[in-house]
Amino acid sequence: MYADDREIRALDNNPPVPRRTWGEIASEAILVLPNVGKLLLRLLKDPRVPIRRKLVVAMVAGYVISPIDLIPDFIIGVGKLDDVILVSLAIDYLMRGADERIVLEHWDGSIDALDLVRSVFTWGTEIIPDSVRRLLPS
């Protein structure tokens, strides 16, 4: 028996990890928010990040605080959806435009938390139909 086989059998004998509640996941997400905010501010200030990426974030921020909306905010359930999707797009665009070393230099949390943040923002861009996504800057 190889060492890898022993490790696999040891893993099989461990009890399953209990399923986490939405409350536990939400509390972890809240703890990551300050690091996300610091990362965004640092990337926006960093001269190594392309200016066009920063401009997209600025334009989305202007749209979000603007009283004009594609989907009015008073529509319950979907009113904030356009804002959430645009913010996800802008942050994903900013992070993809920065060199990996720059993002890691400015990130204060764990790599796992950064991977989670990236996956959330990537998911926000993936829910957009392909026909619309093709029109967006890459």
C-alpha atoms as a PDB file:
ATOM      1  CA  MET A   1       0.000   0.000   0.000  1.00  0.00           C
ATOM      2  CA  TYR A   2       1.320   3.425  -0.965  1.00  0.00           C
ATOM      3  CA  ALA A   3       1.350   6.439   1.352  1.00  0.00           C
ATOM      4  CA  ASP A   4      -1.298   8.101  -0.834  1.00  0.00           C
ATOM      5  CA  ASP A   5      -3.619   5.114  -0.376  1.00  0.00           C
ATOM      6  CA  ARG A   6      -3.273   5.360   3.418  1.00  0.00           C
ATOM      7  CA  GLU A   7      -4.064   9.075   3.292  1.00  0.00           C
ATOM      8  CA  ILE A   8      -7.151   8.466   1.170  1.00  0.00           C
ATOM      9  CA  ARG A   9      -8.395   5.736   3.539  1.00  0.00           C
ATOM     10  CA  ALA A  10      -7.779   8.042   6.507  1.00  0.00           C
ATOM     11  CA  LEU A  11      -9.835  10.728   4.799  1.00  0.00           C
ATOM     12  CA  ASP A  12     -12.648   8.264   4.114  1.00  0.00           C
ATOM     13  CA  ASN A  13     -12.864   7.424   7.827  1.00  0.00           C
ATOM     14  CA  ASN A  14     -13.312  11.056   8.900  1.00  0.00           C
ATOM     15  CA  PRO A  15     -16.868  12.149   9.666  1.00  0.00           C
ATOM     16  CA  PRO A  16     -18.418  14.505   7.114  1.00  0.00           C
ATOM     17  CA  VAL A  17     -18.160  18.228   7.720  1.00  0.00           C
ATOM     18  CA  PRO A  18     -21.510  19.533   9.010  1.00  0.00           C
ATOM     19  CA  ARG A  19     -23.467  21.699   6.625  1.00  0.00           C
ATOM     20  CA  ARG A  20     -23.217  25.402   7.482  1.00  0.00           C
ATOM     21  CA  THR A  21     -26.280  27.564   7.912  1.00  0.00           C
ATOM     22  CA  TRP A  22     -26.971  30.709   5.885  1.00  0.00           C
ATOM     23  CA  GLY A  23     -26.351  32.707   9.046  1.00  0.00           C
ATOM     24  CA  GLU A  24     -22.851  31.269   9.425  1.00  0.00           C
ATOM     25  CA  ILE A  25     -22.066  31.939   5.772  1.00  0.00           C
ATOM     26  CA  ALA A  26     -23.449  35.480   6.026  1.00  0.00           C
ATOM     27  CA  SER A  27     -21.390  36.226   9.136  1.00  0.00           C
ATOM     28  CA  GLU A  28     -18.229  35.052   7.354  1.00  0.00           C
ATOM     29  CA  ALA A  29     -19.112  37.216   4.346  1.00  0.00           C
ATOM     30  CA  ILE A  30     -19.587  40.241   6.589  1.00  0.00           C
ATOM     31  CA  LEU A  31     -16.153  39.674   8.095  1.00  0.00           C
ATOM     32  CA  VAL A  32     -14.607  39.757   4.587  1.00  0.00           C
ATOM     33  CA  LEU A  33     -16.263  43.050   3.575  1.00  0.00           C
ATOM     34  CA  PRO A  34     -13.685  45.357   5.225  1.00  0.00           C
ATOM     35  CA  ASN A  35     -10.892  43.569   3.344  1.00  0.00           C
ATOM     36  CA  VAL A  36     -12.814  43.906   0.072  1.00  0.00           C
ATOM     37  CA  GLY A  37     -13.254  47.636   0.688  1.00  0.00           C
ATOM     38  CA  LYS A  38      -9.567  48.102   1.461  1.00  0.00           C
ATOM     39  CA  LEU A  39      -8.591  46.093  -1.618  1.00  0.00           C
ATOM     40  CA  LEU A  40     -10.777  48.226  -3.881  1.00  0.00           C
ATOM     41  CA  LEU A  41      -9.482  51.505  -2.480  1.00  0.00           C
ATOM     42  CA  ARG A  42      -5.888  50.342  -2.762  1.00  0.00           C
ATOM     43  CA  LEU A  43      -6.359  49.137  -6.344  1.00  0.00           C
ATOM     44  CA  LEU A  44      -7.976  52.443  -7.285  1.00  0.00           C
ATOM     45  CA  LYS A  45      -5.015  54.352  -5.823  1.00  0.00           C
ATOM     46  CA  ASP A  46      -2.343  52.080  -7.310  1.00  0.00           C
ATOM     47  CA  PRO A  47      -0.704  53.638 -10.416  1.00  0.00           C
ATOM     48  CA  ARG A  48       0.082  50.153 -11.791  1.00  0.00           C
ATOM     49  CA  VAL A  49      -3.629  49.426 -12.363  1.00  0.00           C
ATOM     50  CA  PRO A  50      -4.849  50.652 -15.791  1.00  0.00           C
ATOM     51  CA  ILE A  51      -6.784  53.917 -15.636  1.00  0.00           C
ATOM     52  CA  ARG A  52      -9.595  52.641 -17.891  1.00  0.00           C
ATOM     53  CA  ARG A  53     -10.353  49.947 -15.303  1.00  0.00           C
ATOM     54  CA  LYS A  54     -10.573  52.599 -12.601  1.00  0.00           C
ATOM     55  CA  LEU A  55     -12.857  54.726 -14.788  1.00  0.00           C
ATOM     56  CA  VAL A  56     -15.312  51.839 -15.192  1.00  0.00           C
ATOM     57  CA  VAL A  57     -15.505  51.498 -11.404  1.00  0.00           C
ATOM     58  CA  ALA A  58     -16.044  55.257 -11.070  1.00  0.00           C
ATOM     59  CA  MET A  59     -18.821  55.229 -13.690  1.00  0.00           C
ATOM     60  CA  VAL A  60     -20.578  52.311 -11.974  1.00  0.00           C
ATOM     61  CA  ALA A  61     -20.282  54.056  -8.603  1.00  0.00           C
ATOM     62  CA  GLY A  62     -21.862  57.129 -10.176  1.00  0.00           C
ATOM     63  CA  TYR A  63     -24.706  55.027 -11.581  1.00  0.00           C
ATOM     64  CA  VAL A  64     -25.343  53.294  -8.260  1.00  0.00           C
ATOM     65  CA  ILE A  65     -25.658  56.577  -6.343  1.00  0.00           C
ATOM     66  CA  SER A  66     -27.639  58.206  -9.168  1.00  0.00           C
ATOM     67  CA  PRO A  67     -31.416  58.410  -8.796  1.00  0.00           C
ATOM     68  CA  ILE A  68     -31.796  57.075 -12.367  1.00  0.00           C
ATOM     69  CA  ASP A  69     -32.093  53.267 -12.574  1.00  0.00           C
ATOM     70  CA  LEU A  70     -32.720  50.685 -15.279  1.00  0.00           C
ATOM     71  CA  ILE A  71     -34.860  48.790 -12.767  1.00  0.00           C
ATOM     72  CA  PRO A  72     -36.490  51.102 -10.191  1.00  0.00           C
ATOM     73  CA  ASP A  73     -35.335  50.349  -6.644  1.00  0.00           C
ATOM     74  CA  PHE A  74     -38.885  50.283  -5.288  1.00  0.00           C
ATOM     75  CA  ILE A  75     -39.632  47.038  -7.161  1.00  0.00           C
ATOM     76  CA  ILE A  76     -39.293  44.465  -4.398  1.00  0.00           C
ATOM     77  CA  GLY A  77     -36.917  41.609  -5.099  1.00  0.00           C
ATOM     78  CA  VAL A  78     -35.298  42.904  -8.287  1.00  0.00           C
ATOM     79  CA  GLY A  79     -35.014  46.639  -7.660  1.00  0.00           C
ATOM     80  CA  LYS A  80     -31.405  46.449  -6.533  1.00  0.00           C
ATOM     81  CA  LEU A  81     -30.471  43.686  -8.983  1.00  0.00           C
ATOM     82  CA  ASP A  82     -29.086  46.002 -11.660  1.00  0.00           C
ATOM     83  CA  ASP A  83     -26.918  47.739  -9.042  1.00  0.00           C
ATOM     84  CA  VAL A  84     -25.581  44.429  -7.688  1.00  0.00           C
ATOM     85  CA  ILE A  85     -24.778  43.105 -11.163  1.00  0.00           C
ATOM     86  CA  LEU A  86     -23.050  46.315 -12.259  1.00  0.00           C
ATOM     87  CA  VAL A  87     -20.989  46.466  -9.062  1.00  0.00           C
ATOM     88  CA  SER A  88     -19.975  42.826  -9.563  1.00  0.00           C
ATOM     89  CA  LEU A  89     -19.002  43.560 -13.157  1.00  0.00           C
ATOM     90  CA  ALA A  90     -16.951  46.613 -12.215  1.00  0.00           C
ATOM     91  CA  ILE A  91     -15.086  44.945  -9.354  1.00  0.00           C
ATOM     92  CA  ASP A  92     -14.410  41.825 -11.420  1.00  0.00           C
ATOM     93  CA  TYR A  93     -13.157  44.024 -14.278  1.00  0.00           C
ATOM     94  CA  LEU A  94     -10.882  45.976 -11.925  1.00  0.00           C
ATOM     95  CA  MET A  95      -9.440  42.869 -10.284  1.00  0.00           C
ATOM     96  CA  ARG A  96      -8.868  41.069 -13.607  1.00  0.00           C
ATOM     97  CA  GLY A  97      -7.081  44.139 -14.937  1.00  0.00           C
ATOM     98  CA  ALA A  98      -4.613  44.266 -12.081  1.00  0.00           C
ATOM     99  CA  ASP A  99      -1.628  41.965 -12.028  1.00  0.00           C
ATOM    100  CA  GLU A 100      -2.030  39.051  -9.619  1.00  0.00           C
ATOM    101  CA  ARG A 101       0.942  40.243  -7.569  1.00  0.00           C
ATOM    102  CA  ILE A 102      -0.695  43.647  -7.133  1.00  0.00           C
ATOM    103  CA  VAL A 103      -3.968  42.130  -5.938  1.00  0.00           C
ATOM    104  CA  LEU A 104      -2.146  39.884  -3.473  1.00  0.00           C
ATOM    105  CA  GLU A 105      -0.030  42.808  -2.271  1.00  0.00           C
ATOM    106  CA  HIS A 106      -3.162  44.787  -1.401  1.00  0.00           C
ATOM    107  CA  TRP A 107      -5.230  41.895   0.050  1.00  0.00           C
ATOM    108  CA  ASP A 108      -5.220  41.624   3.855  1.00  0.00           C
ATOM    109  CA  GLY A 109      -7.198  38.404   4.216  1.00  0.00           C
ATOM    110  CA  SER A 110      -6.490  34.779   3.488  1.00  0.00           C
ATOM    111  CA  ILE A 111      -6.087  33.392  -0.023  1.00  0.00           C
ATOM    112  CA  ASP A 112      -9.236  31.298   0.527  1.00  0.00           C
ATOM    113  CA  ALA A 113     -11.204  34.454   1.306  1.00  0.00           C
ATOM    114  CA  LEU A 114      -9.820  36.145  -1.821  1.00  0.00           C
ATOM    115  CA  ASP A 115     -10.835  33.132  -3.910  1.00  0.00           C
ATOM    116  CA  LEU A 116     -14.327  33.384  -2.433  1.00  0.00           C
ATOM    117  CA  VAL A 117     -14.503  37.097  -3.234  1.00  0.00           C
ATOM    118  CA  ARG A 118     -13.380  36.456  -6.807  1.00  0.00           C
ATOM    119  CA  SER A 119     -15.899  33.679  -7.280  1.00  0.00           C
ATOM    120  CA  VAL A 120     -18.747  35.875  -6.015  1.00  0.00           C
ATOM    121  CA  PHE A 121     -17.862  38.712  -8.387  1.00  0.00           C
ATOM    122  CA  THR A 122     -17.313  36.310 -11.274  1.00  0.00           C
ATOM    123  CA  TRP A 123     -20.710  34.771 -10.587  1.00  0.00           C
ATOM    124  CA  GLY A 124     -22.219  38.257 -10.791  1.00  0.00           C
ATOM    125  CA  THR A 125     -20.860  38.592 -14.295  1.00  0.00           C
ATOM    126  CA  GLU A 126     -21.851  35.087 -15.384  1.00  0.00           C
ATOM    127  CA  ILE A 127     -25.562  35.630 -14.783  1.00  0.00           C
ATOM    128  CA  ILE A 128     -25.592  38.228 -17.556  1.00  0.00           C
ATOM    129  CA  PRO A 129     -26.742  36.833 -20.915  1.00  0.00           C
ATOM    130  CA  ASP A 130     -23.930  36.130 -23.405  1.00  0.00           C
ATOM    131  CA  SER A 131     -25.346  38.603 -25.910  1.00  0.00           C
ATOM    132  CA  VAL A 132     -24.989  41.435 -23.367  1.00  0.00           C
ATOM    133  CA  ARG A 133     -21.671  40.193 -21.961  1.00  0.00           C
ATOM    134  CA  ARG A 134     -20.068  40.371 -25.429  1.00  0.00           C
ATOM    135  CA  LEU A 135     -20.737  44.124 -25.453  1.00  0.00           C
ATOM    136  CA  LEU A 136     -18.825  44.654 -22.212  1.00  0.00           C
ATOM    137  CA  PRO A 137     -15.115  45.512 -22.061  1.00  0.00           C
ATOM    138  CA  SER A 138     -12.862  42.530 -21.454  1.00  0.00           C
END
